[in-house]
Amino acid sequence: TVHLSFSLARPDIARDFEVSTPLTSDPVEIEQEGDEEDAEELLACATCFTTIIYRDDILQEKISSCKEVVYPYELTVCDRDSWCYLVTDQQNHRFDLIRARSDTRHLHSSIRLVASPRSDFTWFPGYAWRSAHCDECSASIGWGFCAPFQCGVMPTDSESKLWNMAPEFLGLVLTRLRPCSKAKAQARHQQYRESPMQEMPYNFVVPPVEL
């Protein structure tokens, strides 16, 4: 049986990951046999188990953030030592973000970015943000962070056309994701689609914090 888990520096987040309403009363057991691709660890949407990113898509490097509202800490997710960011918005809501590549193979099929880039309330200086949603169930799963067309120039929100629409990286909310194998994600996703009463998705329409 494949054992999958997050190794986290914050026990409160570990508890959040454990709170997952199963779609059936029977656990889905995945035997570690057969195609290696089925044993690949990935992060799936916590609501519908659509594959969001694979383990190799996680960005491990630490980047600059707004220290007043961001607390970076190290964690291990999908066996990759990475940096996580505990961020606070202007309503004092907190989210734990993991950064991921924006050119992930599933970006265009599983993640929907909405609205034009906004540079206000950003957690990462030099980047504007767009809300990111699971394309299957519309659950809010984080943000895409976009760079300006011209390096070193920070457009205003009224100059949103000067931002790249394609994000430089994704900031994904850990409690909106579940680590699992590809086979398990496919099985749970199929259960979700066949369920007569699908779970209501997580939705938050709150921007990052105002500085």
C-alpha atoms as a PDB file:
ATOM      1  CA  THR A   1       0.000   0.000   0.000  1.00  0.00           C
ATOM      2  CA  VAL A   2       1.336   3.442  -0.891  1.00  0.00           C
ATOM      3  CA  HIS A   3       1.607   5.726   2.151  1.00  0.00           C
ATOM      4  CA  LEU A   4       1.322   9.391   1.233  1.00  0.00           C
ATOM      5  CA  SER A   5       1.616  12.306   3.592  1.00  0.00           C
ATOM      6  CA  PHE A   6       2.804  15.853   4.148  1.00  0.00           C
ATOM      7  CA  SER A   7       5.653  16.451   6.571  1.00  0.00           C
ATOM      8  CA  LEU A   8       4.929  19.892   7.971  1.00  0.00           C
ATOM      9  CA  ALA A   9       6.542  22.301  10.373  1.00  0.00           C
ATOM     10  CA  ARG A  10       3.106  23.502  11.530  1.00  0.00           C
ATOM     11  CA  PRO A  11       0.951  20.907  13.334  1.00  0.00           C
ATOM     12  CA  ASP A  12      -2.218  22.964  12.816  1.00  0.00           C
ATOM     13  CA  ILE A  13      -1.817  22.614   9.057  1.00  0.00           C
ATOM     14  CA  ALA A  14      -1.186  18.892   9.445  1.00  0.00           C
ATOM     15  CA  ARG A  15      -4.571  18.639  11.153  1.00  0.00           C
ATOM     16  CA  ASP A  16      -6.195  20.539   8.297  1.00  0.00           C
ATOM     17  CA  PHE A  17      -4.852  18.008   5.817  1.00  0.00           C
ATOM     18  CA  GLU A  18      -6.316  15.145   7.814  1.00  0.00           C
ATOM     19  CA  VAL A  19      -9.837  16.629   7.625  1.00  0.00           C
ATOM     20  CA  SER A  20     -11.041  15.251   4.314  1.00  0.00           C
ATOM     21  CA  THR A  21     -14.603  14.033   3.822  1.00  0.00           C
ATOM     22  CA  PRO A  22     -14.390  10.744   1.884  1.00  0.00           C
ATOM     23  CA  LEU A  23     -16.734  10.270  -1.015  1.00  0.00           C
ATOM     24  CA  THR A  24     -17.361   6.687   0.100  1.00  0.00           C
ATOM     25  CA  SER A  25     -17.119   4.966   3.452  1.00  0.00           C
ATOM     26  CA  ASP A  26     -14.477   2.566   2.154  1.00  0.00           C
ATOM     27  CA  PRO A  27     -10.870   3.773   1.815  1.00  0.00           C
ATOM     28  CA  VAL A  28      -9.288   3.545  -1.606  1.00  0.00           C
ATOM     29  CA  GLU A  29      -6.297   1.249  -1.374  1.00  0.00           C
ATOM     30  CA  ILE A  30      -3.601   1.542  -4.036  1.00  0.00           C
ATOM     31  CA  GLU A  31      -1.196  -1.333  -4.433  1.00  0.00           C
ATOM     32  CA  GLN A  32       2.337  -0.311  -5.388  1.00  0.00           C
ATOM     33  CA  GLU A  33       2.470  -2.555  -8.413  1.00  0.00           C
ATOM     34  CA  GLY A  34       2.253  -2.004 -12.139  1.00  0.00           C
ATOM     35  CA  ASP A  35       2.998   1.163 -14.045  1.00  0.00           C
ATOM     36  CA  GLU A  36       5.323   3.562 -12.201  1.00  0.00           C
ATOM     37  CA  GLU A  37       3.197   6.467 -13.420  1.00  0.00           C
ATOM     38  CA  ASP A  38       0.331   5.228 -11.236  1.00  0.00           C
ATOM     39  CA  ALA A  39       2.581   5.513  -8.162  1.00  0.00           C
ATOM     40  CA  GLU A  40       3.650   9.105  -8.901  1.00  0.00           C
ATOM     41  CA  GLU A  41       2.815  11.504  -6.092  1.00  0.00           C
ATOM     42  CA  LEU A  42       0.797  14.552  -7.044  1.00  0.00           C
ATOM     43  CA  LEU A  43      -1.395  17.215  -5.480  1.00  0.00           C
ATOM     44  CA  ALA A  44      -5.077  16.890  -6.315  1.00  0.00           C
ATOM     45  CA  CYS A  45      -8.013  19.207  -5.674  1.00  0.00           C
ATOM     46  CA  ALA A  46      -9.377  18.439  -2.200  1.00  0.00           C
ATOM     47  CA  THR A  47     -12.948  18.657  -3.471  1.00  0.00           C
ATOM     48  CA  CYS A  48     -12.994  16.620  -6.691  1.00  0.00           C
ATOM     49  CA  PHE A  49      -9.491  15.058  -6.828  1.00  0.00           C
ATOM     50  CA  THR A  50      -8.649  16.542 -10.207  1.00  0.00           C
ATOM     51  CA  THR A  51      -4.870  16.465 -10.628  1.00  0.00           C
ATOM     52  CA  ILE A  52      -3.554  19.994 -10.079  1.00  0.00           C
ATOM     53  CA  ILE A  53       0.238  19.545 -10.102  1.00  0.00           C
ATOM     54  CA  TYR A  54       2.784  16.747  -9.969  1.00  0.00           C
ATOM     55  CA  ARG A  55       5.586  16.449  -7.448  1.00  0.00           C
ATOM     56  CA  ASP A  56       8.187  17.769  -9.902  1.00  0.00           C
ATOM     57  CA  ASP A  57       6.114  20.919 -10.420  1.00  0.00           C
ATOM     58  CA  ILE A  58       6.701  22.080  -6.824  1.00  0.00           C
ATOM     59  CA  LEU A  59       9.182  24.980  -6.644  1.00  0.00           C
ATOM     60  CA  GLN A  60      11.669  24.419  -3.843  1.00  0.00           C
ATOM     61  CA  GLU A  61      13.480  27.771  -3.883  1.00  0.00           C
ATOM     62  CA  LYS A  62      12.689  30.537  -1.406  1.00  0.00           C
ATOM     63  CA  ILE A  63      11.715  33.886  -2.953  1.00  0.00           C
ATOM     64  CA  SER A  64      11.287  37.407  -1.603  1.00  0.00           C
ATOM     65  CA  SER A  65       7.980  38.133   0.131  1.00  0.00           C
ATOM     66  CA  CYS A  66       6.369  40.937   2.145  1.00  0.00           C
ATOM     67  CA  LYS A  67       7.665  40.238   5.632  1.00  0.00           C
ATOM     68  CA  GLU A  68       4.860  42.200   7.327  1.00  0.00           C
ATOM     69  CA  VAL A  69       2.232  39.689   6.205  1.00  0.00           C
ATOM     70  CA  VAL A  70       4.174  36.616   5.092  1.00  0.00           C
ATOM     71  CA  TYR A  71       5.951  34.038   7.238  1.00  0.00           C
ATOM     72  CA  PRO A  72       8.092  31.624   5.186  1.00  0.00           C
ATOM     73  CA  TYR A  73       8.860  28.218   6.647  1.00  0.00           C
ATOM     74  CA  GLU A  74      10.298  24.963   5.378  1.00  0.00           C
ATOM     75  CA  LEU A  75       8.247  21.827   4.844  1.00  0.00           C
ATOM     76  CA  THR A  76       8.383  18.570   2.961  1.00  0.00           C
ATOM     77  CA  VAL A  77       5.541  17.828   0.574  1.00  0.00           C
ATOM     78  CA  CYS A  78       5.531  14.841  -1.762  1.00  0.00           C
ATOM     79  CA  ASP A  79       9.075  14.067  -0.573  1.00  0.00           C
ATOM     80  CA  ARG A  80      10.377  17.449  -1.765  1.00  0.00           C
ATOM     81  CA  ASP A  81      11.952  19.858   0.716  1.00  0.00           C
ATOM     82  CA  SER A  82      10.390  23.195  -0.111  1.00  0.00           C
ATOM     83  CA  TRP A  83       9.431  26.609   1.221  1.00  0.00           C
ATOM     84  CA  CYS A  84       5.882  27.335   2.276  1.00  0.00           C
ATOM     85  CA  TYR A  85       4.423  30.794   2.936  1.00  0.00           C
ATOM     86  CA  LEU A  86       1.936  31.527   5.700  1.00  0.00           C
ATOM     87  CA  VAL A  87       0.180  34.616   4.327  1.00  0.00           C
ATOM     88  CA  THR A  88      -2.429  36.948   5.819  1.00  0.00           C
ATOM     89  CA  ASP A  89      -4.940  38.992   3.847  1.00  0.00           C
ATOM     90  CA  GLN A  90      -6.604  42.279   4.789  1.00  0.00           C
ATOM     91  CA  GLN A  91      -9.473  40.410   6.496  1.00  0.00           C
ATOM     92  CA  ASN A  92      -6.937  38.518   8.625  1.00  0.00           C
ATOM     93  CA  HIS A  93      -7.621  35.273   6.770  1.00  0.00           C
ATOM     94  CA  ARG A  94      -4.560  33.058   6.649  1.00  0.00           C
ATOM     95  CA  PHE A  95      -3.456  30.674   3.939  1.00  0.00           C
ATOM     96  CA  ASP A  96      -0.465  28.372   3.602  1.00  0.00           C
ATOM     97  CA  LEU A  97       0.871  28.589   0.059  1.00  0.00           C
ATOM     98  CA  ILE A  98       3.181  26.275  -1.824  1.00  0.00           C
ATOM     99  CA  ARG A  99       4.727  27.629  -5.014  1.00  0.00           C
ATOM    100  CA  ALA A 100       4.481  25.611  -8.227  1.00  0.00           C
ATOM    101  CA  ARG A 101       5.592  25.946 -11.817  1.00  0.00           C
ATOM    102  CA  SER A 102       3.135  27.743 -14.052  1.00  0.00           C
ATOM    103  CA  ASP A 103       4.044  25.660 -17.109  1.00  0.00           C
ATOM    104  CA  THR A 104       2.870  22.455 -15.427  1.00  0.00           C
ATOM    105  CA  ARG A 105       1.454  19.899 -17.836  1.00  0.00           C
ATOM    106  CA  HIS A 106      -1.980  20.145 -16.203  1.00  0.00           C
ATOM    107  CA  LEU A 107      -2.229  23.940 -15.964  1.00  0.00           C
ATOM    108  CA  HIS A 108      -4.404  24.455 -19.019  1.00  0.00           C
ATOM    109  CA  SER A 109      -6.665  21.464 -18.363  1.00  0.00           C
ATOM    110  CA  SER A 110      -7.142  21.582 -14.585  1.00  0.00           C
ATOM    111  CA  ILE A 111      -6.537  25.190 -13.456  1.00  0.00           C
ATOM    112  CA  ARG A 112      -8.620  28.172 -14.542  1.00  0.00           C
ATOM    113  CA  LEU A 113      -7.199  31.642 -14.001  1.00  0.00           C
ATOM    114  CA  VAL A 114      -9.757  34.446 -13.839  1.00  0.00           C
ATOM    115  CA  ALA A 115      -9.721  38.237 -14.216  1.00  0.00           C
ATOM    116  CA  SER A 116      -6.865  40.542 -15.207  1.00  0.00           C
ATOM    117  CA  PRO A 117      -3.681  40.722 -13.126  1.00  0.00           C
ATOM    118  CA  ARG A 118      -3.848  43.015 -10.081  1.00  0.00           C
ATOM    119  CA  SER A 119      -0.775  44.485  -8.412  1.00  0.00           C
ATOM    120  CA  ASP A 120      -2.505  45.685  -5.239  1.00  0.00           C
ATOM    121  CA  PHE A 121      -2.461  43.555  -2.100  1.00  0.00           C
ATOM    122  CA  THR A 122       0.316  41.336  -3.413  1.00  0.00           C
ATOM    123  CA  TRP A 123       2.310  39.032  -1.113  1.00  0.00           C
ATOM    124  CA  PHE A 124       5.251  38.762  -3.522  1.00  0.00           C
ATOM    125  CA  PRO A 125       6.820  42.110  -4.574  1.00  0.00           C
ATOM    126  CA  GLY A 126       7.110  42.561  -8.319  1.00  0.00           C
ATOM    127  CA  TYR A 127       4.207  40.239  -9.166  1.00  0.00           C
ATOM    128  CA  ALA A 128       0.528  40.821  -9.856  1.00  0.00           C
ATOM    129  CA  TRP A 129      -2.028  38.140  -9.050  1.00  0.00           C
ATOM    130  CA  ARG A 130      -4.961  36.355 -10.651  1.00  0.00           C
ATOM    131  CA  SER A 131      -7.352  33.988  -8.865  1.00  0.00           C
ATOM    132  CA  ALA A 132      -6.876  30.295  -9.636  1.00  0.00           C
ATOM    133  CA  HIS A 133      -9.723  27.782  -9.592  1.00  0.00           C
ATOM    134  CA  CYS A 134     -10.072  24.061 -10.202  1.00  0.00           C
ATOM    135  CA  ASP A 135     -11.523  23.767 -13.683  1.00  0.00           C
ATOM    136  CA  GLU A 136     -13.572  20.705 -12.740  1.00  0.00           C
ATOM    137  CA  CYS A 137     -15.428  21.870  -9.622  1.00  0.00           C
ATOM    138  CA  SER A 138     -14.620  25.627  -9.580  1.00  0.00           C
ATOM    139  CA  ALA A 139     -13.099  25.437  -6.101  1.00  0.00           C
ATOM    140  CA  SER A 140     -10.695  28.285  -5.324  1.00  0.00           C
ATOM    141  CA  ILE A 141      -7.246  26.761  -4.954  1.00  0.00           C
ATOM    142  CA  GLY A 142      -4.909  29.768  -4.951  1.00  0.00           C
ATOM    143  CA  TRP A 143      -3.473  32.387  -7.254  1.00  0.00           C
ATOM    144  CA  GLY A 144      -1.286  32.788 -10.298  1.00  0.00           C
ATOM    145  CA  PHE A 145       1.422  35.441  -9.916  1.00  0.00           C
ATOM    146  CA  CYS A 146       2.267  37.378 -13.077  1.00  0.00           C
ATOM    147  CA  ALA A 147       5.338  39.426 -13.992  1.00  0.00           C
ATOM    148  CA  PRO A 148       5.284  42.722 -15.929  1.00  0.00           C
ATOM    149  CA  PHE A 149       6.148  42.703 -19.624  1.00  0.00           C
ATOM    150  CA  GLN A 150       9.101  45.007 -18.976  1.00  0.00           C
ATOM    151  CA  CYS A 151      11.498  43.832 -16.290  1.00  0.00           C
ATOM    152  CA  GLY A 152      11.796  46.274 -13.394  1.00  0.00           C
ATOM    153  CA  VAL A 153       8.684  48.271 -14.335  1.00  0.00           C
ATOM    154  CA  MET A 154       5.674  47.957 -12.007  1.00  0.00           C
ATOM    155  CA  PRO A 155       2.455  48.841 -13.872  1.00  0.00           C
ATOM    156  CA  THR A 156      -0.555  50.086 -11.931  1.00  0.00           C
ATOM    157  CA  ASP A 157      -3.878  48.254 -11.890  1.00  0.00           C
ATOM    158  CA  SER A 158      -5.174  50.698 -14.495  1.00  0.00           C
ATOM    159  CA  GLU A 159      -2.315  49.480 -16.683  1.00  0.00           C
ATOM    160  CA  SER A 160      -3.192  45.800 -16.302  1.00  0.00           C
ATOM    161  CA  LYS A 161      -2.486  45.194 -19.999  1.00  0.00           C
ATOM    162  CA  LEU A 162       1.195  45.742 -19.217  1.00  0.00           C
ATOM    163  CA  TRP A 163       1.219  42.555 -17.122  1.00  0.00           C
ATOM    164  CA  ASN A 164       1.703  39.131 -18.604  1.00  0.00           C
ATOM    165  CA  MET A 165      -1.551  37.175 -18.399  1.00  0.00           C
ATOM    166  CA  ALA A 166       0.366  33.920 -18.052  1.00  0.00           C
ATOM    167  CA  PRO A 167       1.708  33.586 -14.492  1.00  0.00           C
ATOM    168  CA  GLU A 168       5.364  33.174 -13.618  1.00  0.00           C
ATOM    169  CA  PHE A 169       4.396  30.776 -10.843  1.00  0.00           C
ATOM    170  CA  LEU A 170       1.378  29.494  -8.930  1.00  0.00           C
ATOM    171  CA  GLY A 171       0.694  30.038  -5.233  1.00  0.00           C
ATOM    172  CA  LEU A 172      -1.523  27.105  -4.194  1.00  0.00           C
ATOM    173  CA  VAL A 173      -3.347  26.798  -0.865  1.00  0.00           C
ATOM    174  CA  LEU A 174      -2.217  23.594   0.825  1.00  0.00           C
ATOM    175  CA  THR A 175      -5.501  22.963   2.621  1.00  0.00           C
ATOM    176  CA  ARG A 176      -7.276  22.992  -0.760  1.00  0.00           C
ATOM    177  CA  LEU A 177      -5.101  20.122  -2.011  1.00  0.00           C
ATOM    178  CA  ARG A 178      -4.553  16.435  -1.222  1.00  0.00           C
ATOM    179  CA  PRO A 179      -1.363  14.429  -1.869  1.00  0.00           C
ATOM    180  CA  CYS A 180      -1.951  11.083  -3.565  1.00  0.00           C
ATOM    181  CA  SER A 181      -0.876   8.759  -6.370  1.00  0.00           C
ATOM    182  CA  LYS A 182      -2.147   9.176  -9.895  1.00  0.00           C
ATOM    183  CA  ALA A 183      -4.224   5.987  -9.619  1.00  0.00           C
ATOM    184  CA  LYS A 184      -5.850   7.081  -6.369  1.00  0.00           C
ATOM    185  CA  ALA A 185      -6.602  10.546  -7.758  1.00  0.00           C
ATOM    186  CA  GLN A 186      -8.244   9.019 -10.819  1.00  0.00           C
ATOM    187  CA  ALA A 187     -10.332   6.658  -8.691  1.00  0.00           C
ATOM    188  CA  ARG A 188     -11.498   9.399  -6.319  1.00  0.00           C
ATOM    189  CA  HIS A 189     -12.155  11.763  -9.214  1.00  0.00           C
ATOM    190  CA  GLN A 190     -14.354   9.149 -10.864  1.00  0.00           C
ATOM    191  CA  GLN A 191     -16.230   8.687  -7.589  1.00  0.00           C
ATOM    192  CA  TYR A 192     -16.761  12.434  -7.427  1.00  0.00           C
ATOM    193  CA  ARG A 193     -18.216  12.535 -10.930  1.00  0.00           C
ATOM    194  CA  GLU A 194     -20.535   9.623 -10.174  1.00  0.00           C
ATOM    195  CA  SER A 195     -21.655  10.964  -6.805  1.00  0.00           C
ATOM    196  CA  PRO A 196     -25.295  12.176  -6.874  1.00  0.00           C
ATOM    197  CA  MET A 197     -24.494  14.837  -4.255  1.00  0.00           C
ATOM    198  CA  GLN A 198     -21.165  16.395  -5.063  1.00  0.00           C
ATOM    199  CA  GLU A 199     -19.315  18.325  -2.379  1.00  0.00           C
ATOM    200  CA  MET A 200     -19.636  22.093  -2.403  1.00  0.00           C
ATOM    201  CA  PRO A 201     -16.298  23.577  -3.494  1.00  0.00           C
ATOM    202  CA  TYR A 202     -14.193  25.876  -1.372  1.00  0.00           C
ATOM    203  CA  ASN A 203     -14.503  29.410  -2.662  1.00  0.00           C
ATOM    204  CA  PHE A 204     -12.806  32.540  -1.461  1.00  0.00           C
ATOM    205  CA  VAL A 205     -12.838  35.754  -3.432  1.00  0.00           C
ATOM    206  CA  VAL A 206     -10.349  37.584  -1.291  1.00  0.00           C
ATOM    207  CA  PRO A 207      -7.206  39.165  -2.695  1.00  0.00           C
ATOM    208  CA  PRO A 208      -3.834  39.078  -0.999  1.00  0.00           C
ATOM    209  CA  VAL A 209      -3.230  41.603   1.757  1.00  0.00           C
ATOM    210  CA  GLU A 210      -2.985  45.374   1.367  1.00  0.00           C
ATOM    211  CA  LEU A 211       0.389  46.779   2.374  1.00  0.00           C
END
